[in-house]
Protein backbone atom coordinates (compact mmCIF):
# COMPACT_ATOMS: atom_id res chain seq x y z
CA UNK A 1 -33.36 12.88 -5.62
CA UNK A 2 -35.47 16.00 -6.10
CA UNK A 3 -38.92 16.27 -4.49
CA UNK A 4 -40.42 16.40 -7.99
CA UNK A 5 -38.73 13.08 -8.91
CA UNK A 6 -40.02 11.48 -5.71
CA UNK A 7 -43.54 12.69 -6.41
CA UNK A 8 -43.41 11.33 -9.96
CA UNK A 9 -42.24 7.94 -8.71
CA UNK A 10 -44.99 7.81 -6.06
CA UNK A 11 -47.57 8.42 -8.79
CA UNK A 12 -46.00 5.61 -10.82
CA UNK A 13 -46.20 3.31 -7.80
CA UNK A 14 -49.89 4.19 -7.42
CA UNK A 15 -50.52 3.37 -11.09
CA UNK A 16 -48.60 0.11 -10.62
CA UNK A 17 -50.95 -0.86 -7.77
CA UNK A 18 -54.18 -0.06 -9.67
CA UNK A 19 -53.54 -0.95 -13.33
CA UNK A 20 -52.69 -4.42 -14.61
CA UNK A 21 -52.23 -3.94 -18.35
CA UNK A 22 -50.58 -1.42 -20.68
CA UNK A 23 -52.40 1.78 -21.60
CA UNK A 24 -52.05 3.59 -24.93
CA UNK A 25 -52.89 7.16 -23.96
CA UNK A 26 -51.84 9.53 -21.21
CA UNK A 27 -53.36 12.98 -20.68
CA UNK A 28 -51.95 15.46 -18.18
CA UNK A 29 -53.66 18.79 -17.60
CA UNK A 30 -51.59 21.67 -16.26
CA UNK A 31 -52.76 23.79 -13.33
CA UNK A 32 -54.04 27.18 -14.36
CA UNK A 33 -52.00 28.95 -11.67
CA UNK A 34 -48.87 26.87 -12.50
CA UNK A 35 -48.13 26.26 -8.79
CA UNK A 36 -49.15 22.60 -8.74
CA UNK A 37 -48.59 21.07 -12.15
CA UNK A 38 -46.49 23.17 -14.49
CA UNK A 39 -45.04 22.13 -17.86
CA UNK A 40 -41.59 20.92 -16.68
CA UNK A 41 -43.25 18.77 -14.01
CA UNK A 42 -45.79 17.41 -16.52
CA UNK A 43 -43.00 16.44 -18.92
CA UNK A 44 -41.10 14.77 -16.06
CA UNK A 45 -44.20 12.88 -14.92
CA UNK A 46 -45.08 11.75 -18.44
CA UNK A 47 -41.53 10.53 -18.98
CA UNK A 48 -41.54 8.68 -15.65
CA UNK A 49 -44.77 6.91 -16.54
CA UNK A 50 -43.49 6.02 -20.01
CA UNK A 51 -40.26 4.55 -18.64
CA UNK A 52 -41.36 3.09 -15.28
CA UNK A 53 -40.71 -0.67 -14.83
CA UNK A 54 -44.27 -1.66 -13.92
CA UNK A 55 -44.68 -5.03 -12.21
CA UNK A 56 -47.52 -6.46 -14.32
CA UNK A 57 -46.74 -4.98 -17.73
CA UNK A 58 -44.27 -2.99 -19.77
CA UNK A 59 -45.15 0.08 -21.76
CA UNK A 60 -44.04 -0.61 -25.31
CA UNK A 61 -45.46 2.64 -26.69
CA UNK A 62 -47.65 5.41 -25.42
CA UNK A 63 -49.27 8.57 -26.79
CA UNK A 64 -48.74 11.52 -24.45
CA UNK A 65 -50.91 14.64 -24.52
CA UNK A 66 -50.32 17.62 -22.25
CA UNK A 67 -53.08 20.22 -21.98
CA UNK A 68 -52.23 23.77 -20.92
CA UNK A 69 -53.98 27.10 -20.63
CA UNK A 70 -51.72 29.11 -22.89
CA UNK A 71 -49.47 28.78 -25.88
CA UNK A 72 -46.30 26.71 -25.53
CA UNK A 73 -43.42 29.08 -24.71
CA UNK A 74 -39.70 28.72 -25.44
CA UNK A 75 -38.93 29.44 -21.78
CA UNK A 76 -41.09 26.52 -20.65
CA UNK A 77 -39.39 24.23 -23.19
CA UNK A 78 -35.92 25.22 -21.93
CA UNK A 79 -36.95 24.32 -18.38
CA UNK A 80 -38.12 20.88 -19.47
CA UNK A 81 -36.07 17.88 -18.21
CA UNK A 82 -36.35 16.36 -21.71
CA UNK A 83 -34.93 18.59 -24.41
CA UNK A 84 -36.77 17.16 -27.40
CA UNK A 85 -39.96 16.00 -25.69
CA UNK A 86 -42.41 17.66 -28.09
CA UNK A 87 -40.36 16.64 -31.12
CA UNK A 88 -41.07 12.97 -30.44
CA UNK A 89 -43.70 11.13 -32.40
CA UNK A 90 -46.71 10.60 -30.17
CA UNK A 91 -46.29 13.66 -27.95
CA UNK A 92 -48.58 16.65 -28.28
CA UNK A 93 -49.17 19.92 -26.46
CA UNK A 94 -52.70 21.34 -26.55
CA UNK A 95 -54.12 24.62 -25.52
CA UNK A 96 -57.24 23.73 -23.54
CA UNK A 97 -59.58 25.73 -25.74
CA UNK A 98 -58.34 23.90 -28.83
CA UNK A 99 -58.26 20.43 -27.19
CA UNK A 100 -61.93 20.64 -26.25
CA UNK A 101 -63.14 22.33 -29.38
CA UNK A 102 -66.04 20.36 -30.84
CA UNK A 103 -65.39 19.17 -34.40
CA UNK A 104 -67.91 17.39 -36.59
CA UNK A 105 -66.82 14.03 -37.92
CA UNK A 106 -67.62 14.03 -41.67
CA UNK A 107 -68.12 10.28 -41.76
CA UNK A 108 -70.00 9.63 -38.53
CA UNK A 109 -71.69 13.00 -38.72
CA UNK A 110 -71.16 13.40 -35.00
CA UNK A 111 -69.33 16.07 -33.09
CA UNK A 112 -66.22 15.09 -31.16
CA UNK A 113 -63.68 16.94 -29.08
CA UNK A 114 -60.55 17.60 -31.12
CA UNK A 115 -58.37 15.72 -28.65
CA UNK A 116 -60.64 12.64 -28.73
CA UNK A 117 -60.46 12.53 -32.47
CA UNK A 118 -56.67 12.81 -32.22
CA UNK A 119 -56.41 9.99 -29.68
CA UNK A 120 -58.20 7.59 -31.97
CA UNK A 121 -55.30 7.88 -34.39
CA UNK A 122 -53.14 6.14 -31.76
CA UNK A 123 -49.86 7.93 -32.41
CA UNK A 124 -47.04 5.85 -30.83
CA UNK A 125 -44.33 7.35 -28.63
CA UNK A 126 -40.83 6.23 -29.62
CA UNK A 127 -39.23 6.17 -26.19
CA UNK A 128 -35.71 5.47 -27.40
CA UNK A 129 -35.63 8.93 -28.98
CA UNK A 130 -35.84 10.61 -25.58
CA UNK A 131 -32.93 12.91 -24.89
CA UNK A 132 -32.55 13.68 -21.20
CA UNK A 133 -31.25 17.07 -20.18
CA UNK A 134 -27.98 16.10 -18.48
CA UNK A 135 -27.85 19.44 -16.68
CA UNK A 136 -30.81 18.43 -14.61
CA UNK A 137 -28.90 15.44 -13.26
CA UNK A 138 -25.27 16.53 -13.20
CA UNK A 139 -25.07 16.76 -9.39
CA UNK A 140 -26.30 13.24 -8.86
CA UNK A 141 -24.92 11.56 -11.95
CA UNK A 142 -21.78 10.14 -10.27
CA UNK A 143 -23.85 8.57 -7.50
CA UNK A 144 -26.42 7.22 -9.95
CA UNK A 145 -23.65 5.87 -12.20
CA UNK A 146 -22.19 4.06 -9.20
CA UNK A 147 -25.56 2.52 -8.35
CA UNK A 148 -26.04 1.65 -12.01
CA UNK A 149 -22.76 -0.28 -11.92
CA UNK A 150 -23.98 -2.28 -8.91
CA UNK A 151 -27.29 -3.11 -10.62
CA UNK A 152 -25.57 -4.26 -13.84
CA UNK A 153 -23.15 -6.40 -11.82
CA UNK A 154 -26.19 -8.04 -10.22
CA UNK A 155 -27.90 -8.56 -13.57
CA UNK A 156 -24.80 -10.16 -15.06
CA UNK A 157 -24.77 -12.55 -12.10
CA UNK A 158 -28.34 -13.57 -12.95
CA UNK A 159 -29.91 -11.56 -10.11
CA UNK A 160 -33.06 -9.47 -10.37
CA UNK A 161 -33.57 -6.05 -8.78
CA UNK A 162 -36.05 -7.57 -6.35
CA UNK A 163 -33.35 -10.02 -5.15
CA UNK A 164 -31.35 -7.09 -3.83
CA UNK A 165 -32.18 -5.55 -0.48
CA UNK A 166 -31.61 -2.05 -1.78
CA UNK A 167 -33.83 0.59 -3.37
CA UNK A 168 -32.20 1.94 -6.49
CA UNK A 169 -32.85 5.63 -7.33
CA UNK A 170 -36.29 6.12 -8.93
CA UNK A 171 -35.09 9.01 -11.07
CA UNK A 172 -36.00 9.66 -14.67
CA UNK A 173 -32.35 9.27 -15.64
CA UNK A 174 -32.09 5.84 -13.97
CA UNK A 175 -35.39 4.65 -15.44
CA UNK A 176 -34.23 5.67 -18.91
CA UNK A 177 -31.09 3.56 -18.45
CA UNK A 178 -33.21 0.61 -17.32
CA UNK A 179 -35.55 0.99 -20.30
CA UNK A 180 -32.65 0.95 -22.76
CA UNK A 181 -31.03 -1.99 -20.96
CA UNK A 182 -34.22 -4.05 -20.96
CA UNK A 183 -34.78 -3.48 -24.68
CA UNK A 184 -31.14 -4.23 -25.44
CA UNK A 185 -31.54 -7.57 -23.64
CA UNK A 186 -34.63 -8.68 -25.57
CA UNK A 187 -32.71 -10.80 -28.05
CA UNK A 188 -30.08 -11.97 -25.62
CA UNK A 189 -29.81 -15.41 -24.13
CA UNK A 190 -31.28 -15.50 -20.64
CA UNK A 191 -28.65 -15.20 -17.90
CA UNK A 192 -28.75 -17.83 -15.19
CA UNK A 193 -27.78 -16.97 -11.67
CA UNK A 194 -24.13 -17.62 -10.83
CA UNK A 195 -22.31 -17.73 -7.51
CA UNK A 196 -18.57 -17.98 -6.93
CA UNK A 197 -17.64 -21.43 -5.62
CA UNK A 198 -15.20 -20.23 -2.94
CA UNK A 199 -17.13 -20.95 0.28
CA UNK A 200 -14.18 -20.01 2.50
CA UNK A 201 -13.71 -16.64 0.78
CA UNK A 202 -14.35 -13.54 2.90
CA UNK A 203 -14.20 -10.11 1.30
CA UNK A 204 -13.51 -6.58 2.56
CA UNK A 205 -15.12 -3.80 0.52
CA UNK A 206 -13.44 -0.39 0.82
CA UNK A 207 -15.80 1.94 -1.03
CA UNK A 208 -17.55 5.09 0.16
CA UNK A 209 -20.54 3.98 -1.95
CA UNK A 210 -20.55 0.41 -0.59
CA UNK A 211 -23.99 0.85 0.99
CA UNK A 212 -25.49 1.95 -2.34
CA UNK A 213 -26.09 -1.52 -3.68
CA UNK A 214 -22.52 -2.84 -3.95
CA UNK A 215 -22.34 -4.58 -0.58
CA UNK A 216 -25.72 -6.22 -1.07
CA UNK A 217 -24.91 -7.39 -4.62
CA UNK A 218 -21.47 -8.74 -3.73
CA UNK A 219 -22.89 -10.69 -0.78
CA UNK A 220 -25.38 -12.37 -3.12
CA UNK A 221 -22.65 -13.20 -5.65
CA UNK A 222 -20.14 -14.52 -3.13
CA UNK A 223 -22.68 -16.13 -0.82
CA UNK A 224 -20.79 -14.73 2.17
CA UNK A 225 -20.70 -11.74 4.46
CA UNK A 226 -18.99 -8.80 2.79
CA UNK A 227 -17.13 -6.75 5.38
CA UNK A 228 -17.59 -3.03 4.90
CA UNK A 229 -14.58 -0.91 5.88
CA UNK A 230 -16.72 1.61 7.74
CA UNK A 231 -18.31 -1.21 9.74
CA UNK A 232 -14.91 -2.49 10.88
CA UNK A 233 -13.72 1.03 11.65
CA UNK A 234 -16.78 1.53 13.87
CA UNK A 235 -15.13 -0.95 16.25
CA UNK A 236 -12.86 1.97 17.23
CA UNK A 237 -9.59 0.17 16.44
CA UNK A 238 -6.27 1.87 15.95
CA UNK A 239 -4.55 1.28 12.61
CA UNK A 240 -2.39 -1.61 13.88
CA UNK A 241 -5.40 -3.42 15.37
CA UNK A 242 -7.39 -2.67 12.23
CA UNK A 243 -4.86 -4.47 10.03
CA UNK A 244 -4.56 -7.36 12.49
CA UNK A 245 -8.31 -7.82 12.18
CA UNK A 246 -8.14 -7.65 8.39
CA UNK A 247 -5.26 -10.16 8.30
CA UNK A 248 -7.32 -12.58 10.37
CA UNK A 249 -10.74 -12.18 8.73
CA UNK A 250 -10.18 -11.24 5.09
CA UNK A 251 -9.19 -13.28 2.02
CA UNK A 252 -9.77 -10.60 -0.63
CA UNK A 253 -10.10 -6.80 -0.73
CA UNK A 254 -12.16 -4.82 -3.23
CA UNK A 255 -10.84 -1.25 -3.15
CA UNK A 256 -12.54 1.71 -4.79
CA UNK A 257 -9.98 3.97 -6.45
CA UNK A 258 -12.07 7.13 -6.09
CA UNK A 259 -12.08 7.42 -2.30
CA UNK A 260 -12.78 10.80 -0.71
CA UNK A 261 -10.64 12.01 2.18
CA UNK A 262 -13.36 11.33 4.75
CA UNK A 263 -14.07 7.69 3.99
CA UNK A 264 -14.37 6.17 7.44
CA UNK A 265 -10.92 4.59 7.54
CA UNK A 266 -8.13 6.90 8.60
CA UNK A 267 -6.64 10.27 7.65
CA UNK A 268 -3.87 8.33 5.89
CA UNK A 269 -6.33 7.11 3.26
CA UNK A 270 -6.49 10.31 1.25
CA UNK A 271 -7.36 8.40 -1.89
CA UNK A 272 -7.50 4.91 -3.34
CA UNK A 273 -3.84 4.94 -4.40
CA UNK A 274 -2.70 5.78 -0.87
CA UNK A 275 -4.99 3.14 0.60
CA UNK A 276 -3.56 0.58 -1.83
CA UNK A 277 0.02 1.39 -0.79
CA UNK A 278 -0.74 1.09 2.92
CA UNK A 279 -2.83 -2.08 2.64
CA UNK A 280 -0.24 -3.87 0.50
CA UNK A 281 2.51 -2.86 2.90
CA UNK A 282 0.61 -4.11 5.96
CA UNK A 283 -1.12 -7.13 4.39
CA UNK A 284 0.94 -8.39 1.42
CA UNK A 285 -0.71 -11.81 1.76
CA UNK A 286 -4.17 -10.45 0.88
CA UNK A 287 -4.99 -9.84 -2.81
CA UNK A 288 -6.50 -6.49 -3.75
CA UNK A 289 -8.74 -5.95 -6.77
CA UNK A 290 -9.33 -2.32 -7.66
CA UNK A 291 -12.86 -1.12 -8.41
CA UNK A 292 -12.85 1.88 -10.71
CA UNK A 293 -14.92 3.60 -13.37
CA UNK A 294 -11.76 4.42 -15.32
CA UNK A 295 -10.92 2.25 -18.31
CA UNK A 296 -7.65 4.02 -19.06
CA UNK A 297 -4.59 1.85 -19.63
CA UNK A 298 -2.43 4.12 -17.46
CA UNK A 299 -4.74 3.46 -14.51
CA UNK A 300 -4.07 -0.28 -14.76
CA UNK A 301 -0.32 0.32 -15.10
CA UNK A 302 -0.26 2.58 -12.04
CA UNK A 303 -2.25 0.33 -9.72
CA UNK A 304 -0.32 -2.79 -10.73
CA UNK A 305 2.89 -0.90 -9.97
CA UNK A 306 1.53 -0.21 -6.47
CA UNK A 307 0.81 -3.90 -5.87
CA UNK A 308 -2.79 -4.38 -7.00
CA UNK A 309 -3.66 -7.87 -8.20
CA UNK A 310 -6.39 -6.93 -10.64
CA UNK A 311 -8.87 -4.28 -11.75
CA UNK A 312 -12.62 -4.34 -12.29
CA UNK A 313 -14.12 -1.53 -14.36
CA UNK A 314 -17.54 -0.60 -13.02
CA UNK A 315 -20.19 -0.46 -15.70
CA UNK A 316 -21.13 3.14 -16.46
CA UNK A 317 -24.26 4.48 -18.15
CA UNK A 318 -22.12 4.99 -21.24
CA UNK A 319 -22.03 1.20 -21.77
CA UNK A 320 -25.79 0.75 -21.58
CA UNK A 321 -25.92 -0.20 -25.28
CA UNK A 322 -23.15 -2.80 -24.87
CA UNK A 323 -24.65 -5.66 -22.80
CA UNK A 324 -22.26 -8.28 -24.20
CA UNK A 325 -19.22 -6.20 -23.29
CA UNK A 326 -20.70 -5.73 -19.84
CA UNK A 327 -21.26 -9.48 -19.47
CA UNK A 328 -17.68 -10.21 -20.53
CA UNK A 329 -16.45 -7.68 -17.96
CA UNK A 330 -18.31 -9.61 -15.24
CA UNK A 331 -17.06 -12.98 -16.47
CA UNK A 332 -13.48 -11.71 -16.37
CA UNK A 333 -14.01 -10.51 -12.79
CA UNK A 334 -15.20 -13.95 -11.70
CA UNK A 335 -12.27 -15.67 -13.44
CA UNK A 336 -9.81 -13.22 -11.87
CA UNK A 337 -11.25 -13.68 -8.39
CA UNK A 338 -11.10 -17.46 -8.60
CA UNK A 339 -7.57 -17.49 -10.03
CA UNK A 340 -6.21 -14.85 -7.64
CA UNK A 341 -7.84 -16.54 -4.65
CA UNK A 342 -6.34 -19.89 -5.66
CA UNK A 343 -2.86 -18.37 -5.98
CA UNK A 344 -3.03 -16.59 -2.64
CA UNK A 345 -4.36 -19.70 -0.92
CA UNK A 346 -1.06 -21.28 -1.94
CA UNK A 347 0.96 -18.22 -0.86
CA UNK A 348 -0.75 -17.47 2.45
CA UNK A 349 0.72 -20.34 4.55
CA UNK A 350 4.22 -19.30 3.49
CA UNK A 351 3.54 -15.71 4.56
CA UNK A 352 2.29 -16.76 7.98
CA UNK A 353 5.08 -19.33 8.29
CA UNK A 354 7.74 -16.68 7.60
CA UNK A 355 6.24 -14.41 10.25
CA UNK A 356 6.17 -17.28 12.74
CA UNK A 357 9.84 -17.99 12.04
CA UNK A 358 10.88 -14.36 12.51
CA UNK A 359 8.89 -14.05 15.75
CA UNK A 360 10.03 -17.44 17.06
CA UNK A 361 11.92 -17.36 20.37
CA UNK A 362 14.15 -20.17 19.12
CA UNK A 363 15.10 -18.17 16.02
CA UNK A 364 15.82 -15.04 18.06
CA UNK A 365 17.85 -16.77 20.79
CA UNK A 366 19.66 -19.55 18.92
CA UNK A 367 22.17 -17.21 17.30
CA UNK A 368 24.85 -16.90 19.95
CA UNK A 369 28.02 -15.98 18.11
CA UNK A 370 29.29 -12.45 17.44
CA UNK A 371 27.74 -12.40 13.96
CA UNK A 372 24.27 -13.49 15.12
CA UNK A 373 22.56 -10.24 14.13
CA UNK A 374 23.87 -10.35 10.58
CA UNK A 375 22.93 -14.02 10.14
CA UNK A 376 19.42 -13.29 11.39
CA UNK A 377 19.14 -10.30 9.07
CA UNK A 378 20.39 -12.34 6.12
CA UNK A 379 17.85 -15.09 6.79
CA UNK A 380 14.99 -12.59 7.13
CA UNK A 381 16.07 -11.04 3.85
CA UNK A 382 16.19 -14.39 2.09
CA UNK A 383 12.78 -15.37 3.43
CA UNK A 384 11.26 -12.15 2.07
CA UNK A 385 13.07 -12.61 -1.24
CA UNK A 386 11.72 -16.15 -1.38
CA UNK A 387 8.13 -15.00 -0.77
CA UNK A 388 8.45 -12.23 -3.35
CA UNK A 389 9.75 -14.63 -6.01
CA UNK A 390 7.08 -17.16 -5.15
CA UNK A 391 4.39 -14.49 -5.54
CA UNK A 392 5.97 -13.31 -8.78
CA UNK A 393 5.80 -16.88 -10.04
CA UNK A 394 2.02 -16.52 -10.28
CA UNK A 395 2.41 -13.16 -12.02
CA UNK A 396 4.98 -14.35 -14.54
CA UNK A 397 3.93 -13.58 -18.09
CA UNK A 398 3.61 -16.29 -20.69
CA UNK A 399 5.97 -14.29 -22.91
CA UNK A 400 8.80 -14.32 -20.34
CA UNK A 401 8.31 -17.99 -19.51
CA UNK A 402 8.14 -19.19 -23.11
CA UNK A 403 10.76 -16.84 -24.51
CA UNK A 404 13.46 -16.76 -21.84
CA UNK A 405 12.92 -20.19 -20.18
CA UNK A 406 13.31 -19.02 -16.59
CA UNK A 407 10.91 -19.79 -13.78
CA UNK A 408 10.30 -17.48 -10.82
CA UNK A 409 9.13 -20.48 -8.81
CA UNK A 410 12.46 -22.22 -9.41
CA UNK A 411 14.26 -19.04 -8.42
CA UNK A 412 12.14 -19.03 -5.24
CA UNK A 413 13.23 -22.63 -4.53
CA UNK A 414 16.90 -21.72 -5.07
CA UNK A 415 16.58 -18.71 -2.74
CA UNK A 416 14.97 -20.84 -0.04
CA UNK A 417 17.66 -23.51 -0.48
CA UNK A 418 20.36 -20.85 0.00
CA UNK A 419 19.07 -20.24 3.55
CA UNK A 420 20.43 -23.69 4.44
CA UNK A 421 23.93 -22.23 4.22
CA UNK A 422 23.07 -19.62 6.88
CA UNK A 423 21.49 -22.35 8.99
CA UNK A 424 24.70 -24.37 8.78
CA UNK A 425 26.62 -21.33 10.05
CA UNK A 426 24.19 -21.02 12.94
CA UNK A 427 24.42 -24.62 14.11
CA UNK A 428 28.09 -25.53 13.60
CA UNK A 429 31.23 -24.35 15.30
CA UNK A 430 33.79 -24.65 12.55
CA UNK A 431 37.32 -24.67 13.94
CA UNK A 432 40.62 -23.77 12.23
CA UNK A 433 39.19 -20.90 10.21
CA UNK A 434 36.58 -20.67 7.51
CA UNK A 435 38.64 -21.69 4.50
CA UNK A 436 37.11 -25.04 3.58
CA UNK A 437 40.43 -26.51 2.48
CA UNK A 438 41.79 -25.96 6.01
CA UNK A 439 38.73 -26.93 8.04
CA UNK A 440 39.29 -30.11 9.99
CA UNK A 441 36.55 -30.18 12.62
CA UNK A 442 32.85 -29.23 12.58
CA UNK A 443 30.96 -29.52 15.84
CA UNK A 444 27.43 -28.56 16.82
CA UNK A 445 27.50 -25.36 18.89
CA UNK A 446 25.85 -27.09 21.83
CA UNK A 447 29.01 -29.32 21.92
CA UNK A 448 26.83 -32.44 21.62
CA UNK A 449 28.48 -34.13 18.65
CA UNK A 450 30.90 -33.81 15.73
CA UNK A 451 30.00 -33.80 12.07
CA UNK A 452 33.64 -33.70 10.94
CA UNK A 453 36.61 -34.59 13.13
CA UNK A 454 40.32 -35.04 12.65
CA UNK A 455 41.23 -38.68 13.14
CA UNK A 456 44.28 -40.06 14.93
CA UNK A 457 45.86 -40.64 11.54
CA UNK A 458 45.47 -36.93 10.72
CA UNK A 459 42.81 -37.60 8.13
CA UNK A 460 39.42 -35.94 8.12
CA UNK A 461 36.64 -38.19 9.39
CA UNK A 462 32.87 -37.81 9.35
CA UNK A 463 29.96 -39.27 11.31
CA UNK A 464 27.39 -39.17 8.47
CA UNK A 465 26.85 -41.14 5.29
CA UNK A 466 24.10 -41.33 2.70
CA UNK A 467 22.62 -44.10 0.63
CA UNK A 468 19.29 -45.68 -0.29
CA UNK A 469 17.48 -42.33 -0.52
CA UNK A 470 18.32 -41.34 3.05
CA UNK A 471 21.09 -40.59 5.57
CA UNK A 472 22.85 -42.58 8.30
CA UNK A 473 24.46 -41.24 11.48
CA UNK A 474 27.50 -43.36 12.38
CA UNK A 475 28.79 -44.34 15.80
CA UNK A 476 32.33 -44.63 14.44
CA UNK A 477 33.64 -42.09 11.94
CA UNK A 478 34.60 -42.95 8.40
CA UNK A 479 36.94 -41.19 6.03
CA UNK A 480 35.38 -38.01 4.62
CA UNK A 481 35.43 -39.10 0.98
CA UNK A 482 32.12 -37.34 0.30
CA UNK A 483 33.62 -33.99 1.35
CA UNK A 484 30.82 -33.31 3.79
CA UNK A 485 31.95 -29.68 4.21
CA UNK A 486 30.79 -29.03 0.63
CA UNK A 487 27.53 -31.03 0.87
CA UNK A 488 24.86 -28.85 2.46
CA UNK A 489 22.30 -31.67 2.49
CA UNK A 490 24.61 -33.82 4.68
CA UNK A 491 25.11 -30.91 7.06
CA UNK A 492 21.37 -30.30 7.34
CA UNK A 493 20.61 -34.00 7.79
CA UNK A 494 23.07 -34.06 10.71
CA UNK A 495 21.39 -31.01 12.30
CA UNK A 496 17.96 -32.64 11.96
CA UNK A 497 19.29 -35.61 13.96
CA UNK A 498 20.03 -33.26 16.88
CA UNK A 499 16.50 -31.81 17.08
CA UNK A 500 13.80 -33.02 19.44
CA UNK A 501 11.59 -34.87 16.97
CA UNK A 502 10.46 -38.49 16.74
CA UNK A 503 12.31 -41.12 14.73
CA UNK A 504 9.37 -41.32 12.33
CA UNK A 505 9.42 -37.56 11.75
CA UNK A 506 13.21 -37.58 11.34
CA UNK A 507 13.00 -40.37 8.77
CA UNK A 508 10.39 -38.40 6.79
CA UNK A 509 12.46 -35.21 6.86
CA UNK A 510 15.55 -37.11 5.73
CA UNK A 511 13.70 -38.74 2.84
CA UNK A 512 12.35 -35.36 1.74
CA UNK A 513 15.76 -33.72 2.08
CA UNK A 514 17.40 -36.45 0.00
CA UNK A 515 14.83 -36.02 -2.76
CA UNK A 516 15.11 -32.20 -2.62
CA UNK A 517 18.88 -32.38 -2.88
CA UNK A 518 18.57 -34.50 -6.04
CA UNK A 519 16.13 -31.95 -7.46
CA UNK A 520 18.42 -29.05 -6.56
CA UNK A 521 21.42 -30.75 -8.22
CA UNK A 522 19.59 -30.79 -11.54
CA UNK A 523 18.44 -27.19 -11.62
CA UNK A 524 19.76 -25.21 -14.56
CA UNK A 525 21.38 -22.37 -12.56
CA UNK A 526 23.06 -23.95 -9.52
CA UNK A 527 23.26 -27.65 -10.28
CA UNK A 528 25.55 -29.54 -7.93
CA UNK A 529 28.25 -32.12 -8.51
CA UNK A 530 25.86 -35.06 -8.36
CA UNK A 531 24.36 -34.94 -11.82
CA UNK A 532 23.88 -37.80 -14.22
CA UNK A 533 24.36 -38.00 -17.96
CA UNK A 534 20.70 -37.16 -18.64
CA UNK A 535 21.23 -33.63 -17.30
CA UNK A 536 22.83 -32.58 -20.58
CA UNK A 537 20.34 -34.36 -22.81
CA UNK A 538 17.40 -31.98 -22.37
CA UNK A 539 16.82 -28.28 -22.94
CA UNK A 540 15.42 -26.07 -20.20
CA UNK A 541 12.26 -25.60 -22.25
CA UNK A 542 11.69 -29.35 -22.17
CA UNK A 543 12.44 -29.67 -18.45
CA UNK A 544 10.20 -26.72 -17.53
CA UNK A 545 7.22 -28.21 -19.35
CA UNK A 546 7.82 -31.54 -17.66
CA UNK A 547 7.91 -29.89 -14.22
CA UNK A 548 4.79 -27.83 -14.90
CA UNK A 549 2.74 -30.93 -15.70
CA UNK A 550 3.22 -32.45 -12.25
CA UNK A 551 3.58 -29.13 -10.39
CA UNK A 552 6.77 -30.62 -8.95
CA UNK A 553 8.23 -27.16 -8.21
CA UNK A 554 5.37 -26.17 -5.89
CA UNK A 555 5.52 -29.50 -4.09
CA UNK A 556 9.27 -29.23 -3.58
CA UNK A 557 8.99 -25.64 -2.36
CA UNK A 558 6.46 -26.71 0.27
CA UNK A 559 8.61 -29.64 1.39
CA UNK A 560 11.75 -27.49 1.62
CA UNK A 561 9.94 -24.74 3.54
CA UNK A 562 8.80 -27.25 6.15
CA UNK A 563 12.44 -28.28 6.66
CA UNK A 564 13.61 -24.66 6.94
CA UNK A 565 10.77 -23.95 9.39
CA UNK A 566 11.83 -26.91 11.55
CA UNK A 567 15.48 -25.83 11.60
CA UNK A 568 14.72 -22.22 12.53
CA UNK A 569 11.97 -22.82 15.12
CA UNK A 570 12.79 -26.34 16.41
CA UNK A 571 9.12 -27.28 15.87
CA UNK A 572 7.14 -28.93 13.10
CA UNK A 573 5.27 -26.62 10.78
CA UNK A 574 1.54 -27.22 11.38
CA UNK A 575 0.31 -24.78 8.73
CA UNK A 576 -2.03 -26.20 6.10
CA UNK A 577 -0.47 -25.89 2.66
CA UNK A 578 -2.65 -25.96 -0.46
């Protein structure tokens, strides 16, 4: 802000403290030596006064008269911060000798100064015709535009400037924007204050202009502490510790796309796109909404391709005449935040659960055979595939779902179910080769018990049976009529029996597994042998709609994940699923 702008605003503040009602006339006399009050400064001051948001009143119209000591020159006009100032109705320039020339009033028969006679005519000043010289503000326009975006965000949330613990720039350019905005809002319905109802939501703001109103406004909207990237970086953490802290503290990231190289984070964050790539790689469980002034379609395409979950276009001065569009932009942000937060609240326990599985000592050490490394790698792959499909389930377009009848959530369930095959390979020692038609004996690798055993009569026997929505472990084997080697649910139920859990917990896991197996057998892609006649009586479109109503897919995914977690860590999953 230039010293001249600061001086003008201080004068406005002084007027605000001394005057309580609108005034119709303003006279500014230039200094004769031009060192104190010259014409460009007088025009700037007059414009400030005309546009200033006074506390006790608002200037609807004002007649402005500037008195100088010489004729108005073209050079002085070109230096003016308002190009068409003296073309506006209600603005006049007077040479002093002419302004105070005494003229006889033909009606009153009294002499009056020429300027007094002029003032009585009460010429209004049409403020909306003011055309600011953009050259005078080009260096600060980006910063002011950013602060303008923060102020409009606050207004759309029902906040007032005085609610915000931040002093917005008292420049002529900013005051002009405020004047237009206030007049554009005259006929609009009053906005009531809104606050996002996500009390557990904590937000990280990565924006070099965060301290210029954005952090303060967002804290008022969210009702929570907004973490500022530079504040966290001041803790002197290395990048690994930095992301560990983010993973623990943050539920949502707002990332400015126009980051400079020196932004307080790390040399790796050369710009917003690079920051987005790194953050999504290190914290895929945290949603990122991009803050940008760009409304170009290719910007949205590019950031979504890099993993962003949404985009908020900051209001620019160019939209000052479009308050309804601005309001809709804010409403869409709130809807996106609530929806994205809800989706990630469902996803987050699975992300942490997968990491706990991979880091589990039991998972790392329970693979003893020569192929242990490949089995572990396959399981890790499947777990990541499962999470990716589950995440994509929330991103699935209505067009794909309604037109092609597939469900990413169901594909996620199928992928998670497929891990049970790897788990079976981990737990069982399968003698006589791997060809299922030749397999005669399956025994747990700890040699504790048999699932399938060759009987004295040469027939294949099994120690497990199923009925009444659950499973039974037998003391004496029965003939393997169910072909246990082809029934993954029977194999998993037998493994669960061997784990160190209570009878009550085992019963619950078995009941869930039985129900999940029935669900799996009726899926359109990999249905099993145990299907009833009704399977062929419905289309996939019908079945998908039926599942969506009860959210049965999400419930089954959670139940199956808890079983997989138990089998790979030998402990119950204590994560809180939404």
